[in-house]
Amino acid sequence: PILRVKELRALGVTLHLALNSRRQPIPDVPAVYLIAPTPSNIERVCEDCKNQLYGSMWLNFTSSLPRVQLEALAEGIAASGSTSRIARIFDMYAAFVSLE
């Protein structure tokens, strides 16, 4: 792993969960997502918006978000009425393996 749990805690991360795990709503807490831009992940984020799991959402994609996926994300979030929950959307370009 890039960061150990102890290091995450020192940075203020109190909880980390897999995207596909069952999660309970924590409406007062901001959520930071680090996900691949796949159709299933986009659907899950839209579902999280619909279910109002978090107060705000910071979406970080491991590679460039294709236009088709961006449109699906926008449509899903708009349909859920949760556009105000999306704080930021970033392409992180982190889908690589370092040789050193």
Protein backbone atom coordinates (compact mmCIF):
# COMPACT_ATOMS: atom_id res chain seq x y z
CA PRO A 1 0.00 0.00 0.00
CA ILE A 2 1.03 3.59 -0.57
CA LEU A 3 -0.01 4.63 2.94
CA ARG A 4 -0.44 2.53 6.04
CA VAL A 5 -3.58 2.89 8.16
CA LYS A 6 -1.55 4.63 10.87
CA GLU A 7 -0.39 7.22 8.32
CA LEU A 8 -3.96 7.74 7.08
CA ARG A 9 -5.14 8.34 10.64
CA ALA A 10 -2.34 10.89 11.16
CA LEU A 11 -3.64 12.71 8.06
CA GLY A 12 -7.16 12.85 9.50
CA VAL A 13 -8.69 9.90 7.63
CA THR A 14 -10.90 8.19 10.16
CA LEU A 15 -12.50 5.52 7.99
CA HIS A 16 -11.63 3.77 4.75
CA LEU A 17 -14.02 1.46 2.94
CA ALA A 18 -14.12 -0.45 -0.33
CA LEU A 19 -16.47 1.06 -2.88
CA ASN A 20 -18.42 -2.18 -3.27
CA SER A 21 -18.85 -2.79 0.45
CA ARG A 22 -22.13 -2.13 2.24
CA ARG A 23 -21.89 1.30 3.79
CA GLN A 24 -24.13 3.15 6.19
CA PRO A 25 -24.97 6.83 5.63
CA ILE A 26 -22.69 9.31 7.39
CA PRO A 27 -24.40 12.54 6.28
CA ASP A 28 -22.17 14.99 8.18
CA VAL A 29 -18.90 13.63 6.81
CA PRO A 30 -17.12 14.45 3.54
CA ALA A 31 -16.06 11.43 1.49
CA VAL A 32 -12.96 11.16 -0.69
CA TYR A 33 -13.22 8.57 -3.45
CA LEU A 34 -10.18 7.16 -5.26
CA ILE A 35 -11.60 5.00 -8.04
CA ALA A 36 -10.97 3.80 -11.58
CA PRO A 37 -13.29 5.41 -14.16
CA THR A 38 -15.30 2.27 -14.92
CA PRO A 39 -19.03 2.08 -15.68
CA SER A 40 -19.68 0.06 -12.50
CA ASN A 41 -17.82 2.58 -10.32
CA ILE A 42 -19.70 5.48 -11.91
CA GLU A 43 -22.99 3.67 -11.19
CA ARG A 44 -21.94 3.13 -7.58
CA VAL A 45 -21.05 6.80 -7.07
CA CYS A 46 -24.42 7.81 -8.54
CA GLU A 47 -26.12 5.34 -6.20
CA ASP A 48 -24.23 6.83 -3.23
CA CYS A 49 -25.48 10.28 -4.29
CA LYS A 50 -29.03 9.01 -4.59
CA ASN A 51 -28.81 7.45 -1.11
CA GLN A 52 -27.19 10.61 0.30
CA LEU A 53 -24.45 8.63 2.04
CA TYR A 54 -22.14 11.59 2.67
CA GLY A 55 -22.35 15.33 3.17
CA SER A 56 -19.97 16.04 0.32
CA MET A 57 -17.99 13.94 -2.14
CA TRP A 58 -14.54 14.48 -3.61
CA LEU A 59 -14.16 12.22 -6.66
CA ASN A 60 -10.62 11.26 -7.66
CA PHE A 61 -10.22 9.04 -10.72
CA THR A 62 -7.05 7.01 -11.21
CA SER A 63 -6.96 7.89 -14.91
CA SER A 64 -8.69 10.20 -17.33
CA LEU A 65 -12.47 10.05 -17.13
CA PRO A 66 -13.79 9.29 -20.66
CA ARG A 67 -16.48 11.65 -21.91
CA VAL A 68 -19.10 8.86 -21.96
CA GLN A 69 -18.43 8.11 -18.29
CA LEU A 70 -18.41 11.82 -17.40
CA GLU A 71 -21.82 12.23 -19.05
CA ALA A 72 -23.15 9.15 -17.23
CA LEU A 73 -21.84 10.56 -13.94
CA ALA A 74 -23.42 13.97 -14.61
CA GLU A 75 -26.77 12.43 -15.56
CA GLY A 76 -26.81 10.13 -12.53
CA ILE A 77 -25.93 12.88 -10.09
CA ALA A 78 -28.43 15.30 -11.62
CA ALA A 79 -31.17 12.66 -11.51
CA SER A 80 -30.48 12.07 -7.81
CA GLY A 81 -30.77 15.79 -7.05
CA SER A 82 -27.36 15.70 -5.35
CA THR A 83 -25.29 18.04 -7.48
CA SER A 84 -24.49 20.20 -4.46
CA ARG A 85 -22.84 17.20 -2.74
CA ILE A 86 -20.07 16.99 -5.36
CA ALA A 87 -17.20 19.13 -4.10
CA ARG A 88 -14.61 18.32 -6.80
CA ILE A 89 -13.83 15.88 -9.61
CA PHE A 90 -10.17 15.15 -10.38
CA ASP A 91 -8.28 13.01 -12.87
CA MET A 92 -5.31 11.85 -10.79
CA TYR A 93 -3.35 9.97 -13.50
CA ALA A 94 -2.27 7.47 -10.87
CA ALA A 95 -2.88 4.26 -12.86
CA PHE A 96 0.74 3.32 -13.39
CA VAL A 97 3.42 1.14 -11.86
CA SER A 98 6.67 2.76 -10.78
CA LEU A 99 9.82 0.80 -11.60
CA GLU A 100 11.75 2.37 -8.72
